[in-house]
């Protein structure tokens, strides 16, 4: 466990949120994550960091790992300008995360509350969802409702949509 993980654990513990934790080699893609010998792999979330074309709105998209996102359809669901993937520089600037470590828990680093979290409503079918604890060398397991509570406690916008 490293200092980045500990920061996340401290927040979860203060909120009384139960969680599981597994360390693993660094992974950068869902395909790499699939190769790891960890339980409950089906509930690992895929996370994308996107922005609108004017860089006014930034989003973390949380969805089931086997799904893909149509940015045009997502744009309509979010009622926003055209969407594209945000740069690594923006990822670091707003969430203090590195490539491969995109996670909804990145909002813990979002001092300006600029990033909105968009969760695929199908994530709610899982008892627990697996996300990185702000780096890609571990996975943390928590209930989707607890993930929502963390996001709301930070003041970031959150919504559920069908992806």
C-alpha atoms as a PDB file:
ATOM      1  CA  UNK A   1       0.000   0.000   0.000  1.00  0.00           C
ATOM      2  CA  UNK A   2       1.307   3.441  -0.885  1.00  0.00           C
ATOM      3  CA  UNK A   3       0.508   7.007   0.192  1.00  0.00           C
ATOM      4  CA  UNK A   4      -1.941   7.485  -2.700  1.00  0.00           C
ATOM      5  CA  UNK A   5      -3.915   4.430  -1.587  1.00  0.00           C
ATOM      6  CA  UNK A   6      -3.783   5.532   2.041  1.00  0.00           C
ATOM      7  CA  UNK A   7      -5.360   8.898   1.201  1.00  0.00           C
ATOM      8  CA  UNK A   8      -8.318   7.086  -0.387  1.00  0.00           C
ATOM      9  CA  UNK A   9      -8.596   4.635   2.526  1.00  0.00           C
ATOM     10  CA  UNK A  10      -8.545   7.483   5.053  1.00  0.00           C
ATOM     11  CA  UNK A  11     -11.496   9.156   3.328  1.00  0.00           C
ATOM     12  CA  UNK A  12     -13.464   5.906   3.055  1.00  0.00           C
ATOM     13  CA  UNK A  13     -12.751   5.079   6.694  1.00  0.00           C
ATOM     14  CA  UNK A  14     -13.862   8.537   7.863  1.00  0.00           C
ATOM     15  CA  UNK A  15     -17.117   8.031   5.933  1.00  0.00           C
ATOM     16  CA  UNK A  16     -17.628   4.557   7.428  1.00  0.00           C
ATOM     17  CA  UNK A  17     -17.524   2.897   4.009  1.00  0.00           C
ATOM     18  CA  UNK A  18     -16.561  -0.766   3.812  1.00  0.00           C
ATOM     19  CA  UNK A  19     -14.270  -1.748   0.953  1.00  0.00           C
ATOM     20  CA  UNK A  20     -12.021  -4.481  -0.320  1.00  0.00           C
ATOM     21  CA  UNK A  21      -8.556  -3.956  -1.725  1.00  0.00           C
ATOM     22  CA  UNK A  22      -6.117  -5.879  -3.905  1.00  0.00           C
ATOM     23  CA  UNK A  23      -2.694  -4.764  -5.080  1.00  0.00           C
ATOM     24  CA  UNK A  24      -1.467  -5.862  -8.510  1.00  0.00           C
ATOM     25  CA  UNK A  25       1.056  -4.932 -11.183  1.00  0.00           C
ATOM     26  CA  UNK A  26       0.363  -1.644 -12.973  1.00  0.00           C
ATOM     27  CA  UNK A  27      -2.304  -2.006 -15.665  1.00  0.00           C
ATOM     28  CA  UNK A  28      -3.156   0.488 -18.390  1.00  0.00           C
ATOM     29  CA  UNK A  29      -6.103  -1.159 -20.121  1.00  0.00           C
ATOM     30  CA  UNK A  30      -9.100  -3.324 -19.333  1.00  0.00           C
ATOM     31  CA  UNK A  31      -7.418  -6.086 -21.368  1.00  0.00           C
ATOM     32  CA  UNK A  32      -4.415  -6.002 -19.041  1.00  0.00           C
ATOM     33  CA  UNK A  33      -6.749  -6.001 -16.045  1.00  0.00           C
ATOM     34  CA  UNK A  34      -8.463  -9.114 -17.421  1.00  0.00           C
ATOM     35  CA  UNK A  35      -5.155 -11.000 -17.291  1.00  0.00           C
ATOM     36  CA  UNK A  36      -4.785 -10.531 -13.539  1.00  0.00           C
ATOM     37  CA  UNK A  37      -5.748 -13.405 -11.228  1.00  0.00           C
ATOM     38  CA  UNK A  38      -8.280 -11.460  -9.153  1.00  0.00           C
ATOM     39  CA  UNK A  39     -11.794 -12.374  -8.110  1.00  0.00           C
ATOM     40  CA  UNK A  40     -14.942 -10.546  -9.194  1.00  0.00           C
ATOM     41  CA  UNK A  41     -13.397  -9.347 -12.462  1.00  0.00           C
ATOM     42  CA  UNK A  42     -16.825  -9.000 -14.062  1.00  0.00           C
ATOM     43  CA  UNK A  43     -17.564  -6.015 -11.786  1.00  0.00           C
ATOM     44  CA  UNK A  44     -14.465  -4.014 -12.707  1.00  0.00           C
ATOM     45  CA  UNK A  45     -15.432  -0.674 -14.175  1.00  0.00           C
ATOM     46  CA  UNK A  46     -14.003   0.901 -17.295  1.00  0.00           C
ATOM     47  CA  UNK A  47     -13.336   4.604 -16.752  1.00  0.00           C
ATOM     48  CA  UNK A  48     -12.877   7.263 -19.416  1.00  0.00           C
ATOM     49  CA  UNK A  49     -11.872  10.903 -19.078  1.00  0.00           C
ATOM     50  CA  UNK A  50     -13.533  13.077 -21.703  1.00  0.00           C
ATOM     51  CA  UNK A  51     -14.238  16.748 -22.368  1.00  0.00           C
ATOM     52  CA  UNK A  52     -16.386  18.923 -24.563  1.00  0.00           C
ATOM     53  CA  UNK A  53     -14.888  20.635 -27.606  1.00  0.00           C
ATOM     54  CA  UNK A  54     -14.541  23.994 -25.812  1.00  0.00           C
ATOM     55  CA  UNK A  55     -12.867  22.457 -22.719  1.00  0.00           C
ATOM     56  CA  UNK A  56     -15.649  23.862 -20.557  1.00  0.00           C
ATOM     57  CA  UNK A  57     -16.937  20.534 -19.209  1.00  0.00           C
ATOM     58  CA  UNK A  58     -14.935  17.485 -18.176  1.00  0.00           C
ATOM     59  CA  UNK A  59     -16.370  14.064 -17.358  1.00  0.00           C
ATOM     60  CA  UNK A  60     -15.305  10.749 -15.876  1.00  0.00           C
ATOM     61  CA  UNK A  61     -17.432   8.099 -17.544  1.00  0.00           C
ATOM     62  CA  UNK A  62     -17.837   4.908 -15.476  1.00  0.00           C
ATOM     63  CA  UNK A  63     -19.226   1.910 -17.320  1.00  0.00           C
ATOM     64  CA  UNK A  64     -19.213  -1.858 -17.470  1.00  0.00           C
ATOM     65  CA  UNK A  65     -15.890  -3.003 -18.854  1.00  0.00           C
ATOM     66  CA  UNK A  66     -17.315  -4.756 -21.911  1.00  0.00           C
ATOM     67  CA  UNK A  67     -19.271  -1.731 -23.092  1.00  0.00           C
ATOM     68  CA  UNK A  68     -18.119   0.899 -25.534  1.00  0.00           C
ATOM     69  CA  UNK A  69     -19.146   4.527 -25.614  1.00  0.00           C
ATOM     70  CA  UNK A  70     -20.581   6.327 -28.611  1.00  0.00           C
ATOM     71  CA  UNK A  71     -19.549   9.924 -27.928  1.00  0.00           C
ATOM     72  CA  UNK A  72     -22.303  11.326 -30.158  1.00  0.00           C
ATOM     73  CA  UNK A  73     -24.995   9.449 -28.246  1.00  0.00           C
ATOM     74  CA  UNK A  74     -23.363  10.335 -24.948  1.00  0.00           C
ATOM     75  CA  UNK A  75     -23.372  13.995 -25.967  1.00  0.00           C
ATOM     76  CA  UNK A  76     -27.126  13.846 -26.400  1.00  0.00           C
ATOM     77  CA  UNK A  77     -27.582  12.119 -23.050  1.00  0.00           C
ATOM     78  CA  UNK A  78     -25.501  14.801 -21.345  1.00  0.00           C
ATOM     79  CA  UNK A  79     -26.963  17.689 -23.353  1.00  0.00           C
ATOM     80  CA  UNK A  80     -23.542  19.125 -24.092  1.00  0.00           C
ATOM     81  CA  UNK A  81     -21.232  20.181 -26.886  1.00  0.00           C
ATOM     82  CA  UNK A  82     -19.315  17.599 -28.984  1.00  0.00           C
ATOM     83  CA  UNK A  83     -17.136  15.289 -26.893  1.00  0.00           C
ATOM     84  CA  UNK A  84     -13.639  13.896 -27.247  1.00  0.00           C
ATOM     85  CA  UNK A  85     -11.066  12.276 -25.021  1.00  0.00           C
ATOM     86  CA  UNK A  86      -9.247  14.673 -22.723  1.00  0.00           C
ATOM     87  CA  UNK A  87      -5.477  14.945 -22.812  1.00  0.00           C
ATOM     88  CA  UNK A  88      -3.072  13.419 -20.321  1.00  0.00           C
ATOM     89  CA  UNK A  89      -2.182  16.977 -19.333  1.00  0.00           C
ATOM     90  CA  UNK A  90      -5.822  17.702 -18.445  1.00  0.00           C
ATOM     91  CA  UNK A  91      -6.050  14.399 -16.576  1.00  0.00           C
ATOM     92  CA  UNK A  92      -3.101  15.418 -14.459  1.00  0.00           C
ATOM     93  CA  UNK A  93      -4.202  19.061 -14.100  1.00  0.00           C
ATOM     94  CA  UNK A  94      -7.746  18.383 -12.901  1.00  0.00           C
ATOM     95  CA  UNK A  95      -7.488  14.982 -11.211  1.00  0.00           C
ATOM     96  CA  UNK A  96      -3.767  14.567 -10.507  1.00  0.00           C
ATOM     97  CA  UNK A  97      -3.951  11.153 -12.187  1.00  0.00           C
ATOM     98  CA  UNK A  98      -1.693   9.477 -14.708  1.00  0.00           C
ATOM     99  CA  UNK A  99      -2.631   7.580 -17.845  1.00  0.00           C
ATOM    100  CA  UNK A 100      -4.082   4.190 -16.946  1.00  0.00           C
ATOM    101  CA  UNK A 101      -5.281   5.383 -13.534  1.00  0.00           C
ATOM    102  CA  UNK A 102      -8.580   7.053 -14.513  1.00  0.00           C
ATOM    103  CA  UNK A 103     -11.072   6.404 -11.741  1.00  0.00           C
ATOM    104  CA  UNK A 104     -14.147   8.091 -10.307  1.00  0.00           C
ATOM    105  CA  UNK A 105     -12.148   8.378  -7.080  1.00  0.00           C
ATOM    106  CA  UNK A 106      -9.991  10.897  -8.940  1.00  0.00           C
ATOM    107  CA  UNK A 107     -12.537  13.503  -7.873  1.00  0.00           C
ATOM    108  CA  UNK A 108     -10.860  13.340  -4.463  1.00  0.00           C
ATOM    109  CA  UNK A 109      -8.096  15.385  -6.140  1.00  0.00           C
ATOM    110  CA  UNK A 110     -10.469  17.752  -7.974  1.00  0.00           C
ATOM    111  CA  UNK A 111     -10.068  20.898  -5.888  1.00  0.00           C
ATOM    112  CA  UNK A 112     -12.193  23.005  -8.269  1.00  0.00           C
ATOM    113  CA  UNK A 113     -15.051  20.452  -8.475  1.00  0.00           C
ATOM    114  CA  UNK A 114     -14.841  20.848 -12.241  1.00  0.00           C
ATOM    115  CA  UNK A 115     -15.149  17.199 -13.253  1.00  0.00           C
ATOM    116  CA  UNK A 116     -18.586  15.602 -13.523  1.00  0.00           C
ATOM    117  CA  UNK A 117     -19.026  11.878 -12.937  1.00  0.00           C
ATOM    118  CA  UNK A 118     -21.313   9.971 -15.297  1.00  0.00           C
ATOM    119  CA  UNK A 119     -22.135   6.407 -14.286  1.00  0.00           C
ATOM    120  CA  UNK A 120     -23.689   3.797 -16.536  1.00  0.00           C
ATOM    121  CA  UNK A 121     -26.890   2.793 -14.750  1.00  0.00           C
ATOM    122  CA  UNK A 122     -26.009  -0.891 -15.298  1.00  0.00           C
ATOM    123  CA  UNK A 123     -23.188  -0.480 -12.730  1.00  0.00           C
ATOM    124  CA  UNK A 124     -25.939  -0.477 -10.102  1.00  0.00           C
ATOM    125  CA  UNK A 125     -26.568  -4.189 -10.716  1.00  0.00           C
ATOM    126  CA  UNK A 126     -23.259  -5.054  -9.044  1.00  0.00           C
ATOM    127  CA  UNK A 127     -22.987  -5.608  -5.295  1.00  0.00           C
ATOM    128  CA  UNK A 128     -19.521  -4.099  -5.525  1.00  0.00           C
ATOM    129  CA  UNK A 129     -17.681  -2.306  -8.301  1.00  0.00           C
ATOM    130  CA  UNK A 130     -13.912  -2.354  -8.781  1.00  0.00           C
ATOM    131  CA  UNK A 131     -12.064   0.912  -9.455  1.00  0.00           C
ATOM    132  CA  UNK A 132      -8.511   2.115  -8.995  1.00  0.00           C
ATOM    133  CA  UNK A 133      -7.692   3.985  -5.766  1.00  0.00           C
ATOM    134  CA  UNK A 134      -6.068   6.840  -7.751  1.00  0.00           C
ATOM    135  CA  UNK A 135      -3.289   4.775  -9.251  1.00  0.00           C
ATOM    136  CA  UNK A 136      -3.244   1.693 -11.430  1.00  0.00           C
ATOM    137  CA  UNK A 137      -1.365  -0.661  -9.090  1.00  0.00           C
ATOM    138  CA  UNK A 138      -4.428  -1.674  -7.098  1.00  0.00           C
ATOM    139  CA  UNK A 139      -8.178  -2.129  -7.275  1.00  0.00           C
ATOM    140  CA  UNK A 140     -10.604  -1.153  -4.566  1.00  0.00           C
ATOM    141  CA  UNK A 141     -14.039  -2.762  -4.265  1.00  0.00           C
ATOM    142  CA  UNK A 142     -16.996  -0.816  -2.923  1.00  0.00           C
ATOM    143  CA  UNK A 143     -20.740  -0.685  -3.299  1.00  0.00           C
ATOM    144  CA  UNK A 144     -21.934   1.585  -6.132  1.00  0.00           C
ATOM    145  CA  UNK A 145     -24.031   3.492  -3.586  1.00  0.00           C
ATOM    146  CA  UNK A 146     -20.913   4.149  -1.511  1.00  0.00           C
ATOM    147  CA  UNK A 147     -19.044   5.361  -4.581  1.00  0.00           C
ATOM    148  CA  UNK A 148     -21.909   7.784  -5.187  1.00  0.00           C
ATOM    149  CA  UNK A 149     -21.720   8.957  -1.556  1.00  0.00           C
ATOM    150  CA  UNK A 150     -18.008   9.727  -1.910  1.00  0.00           C
ATOM    151  CA  UNK A 151     -18.589  11.717  -5.092  1.00  0.00           C
ATOM    152  CA  UNK A 152     -21.468  13.670  -3.578  1.00  0.00           C
ATOM    153  CA  UNK A 153     -19.470  14.360  -0.415  1.00  0.00           C
ATOM    154  CA  UNK A 154     -16.861  16.116  -2.542  1.00  0.00           C
ATOM    155  CA  UNK A 155     -19.458  18.300  -4.265  1.00  0.00           C
ATOM    156  CA  UNK A 156     -18.871  17.034  -7.793  1.00  0.00           C
ATOM    157  CA  UNK A 157     -21.845  16.591 -10.101  1.00  0.00           C
ATOM    158  CA  UNK A 158     -22.934  13.005 -10.663  1.00  0.00           C
ATOM    159  CA  UNK A 159     -25.566  11.436 -12.877  1.00  0.00           C
ATOM    160  CA  UNK A 160     -26.620   8.009 -14.084  1.00  0.00           C
ATOM    161  CA  UNK A 161     -27.405   7.366 -17.733  1.00  0.00           C
ATOM    162  CA  UNK A 162     -27.940   4.386 -19.985  1.00  0.00           C
ATOM    163  CA  UNK A 163     -24.815   3.660 -21.997  1.00  0.00           C
END
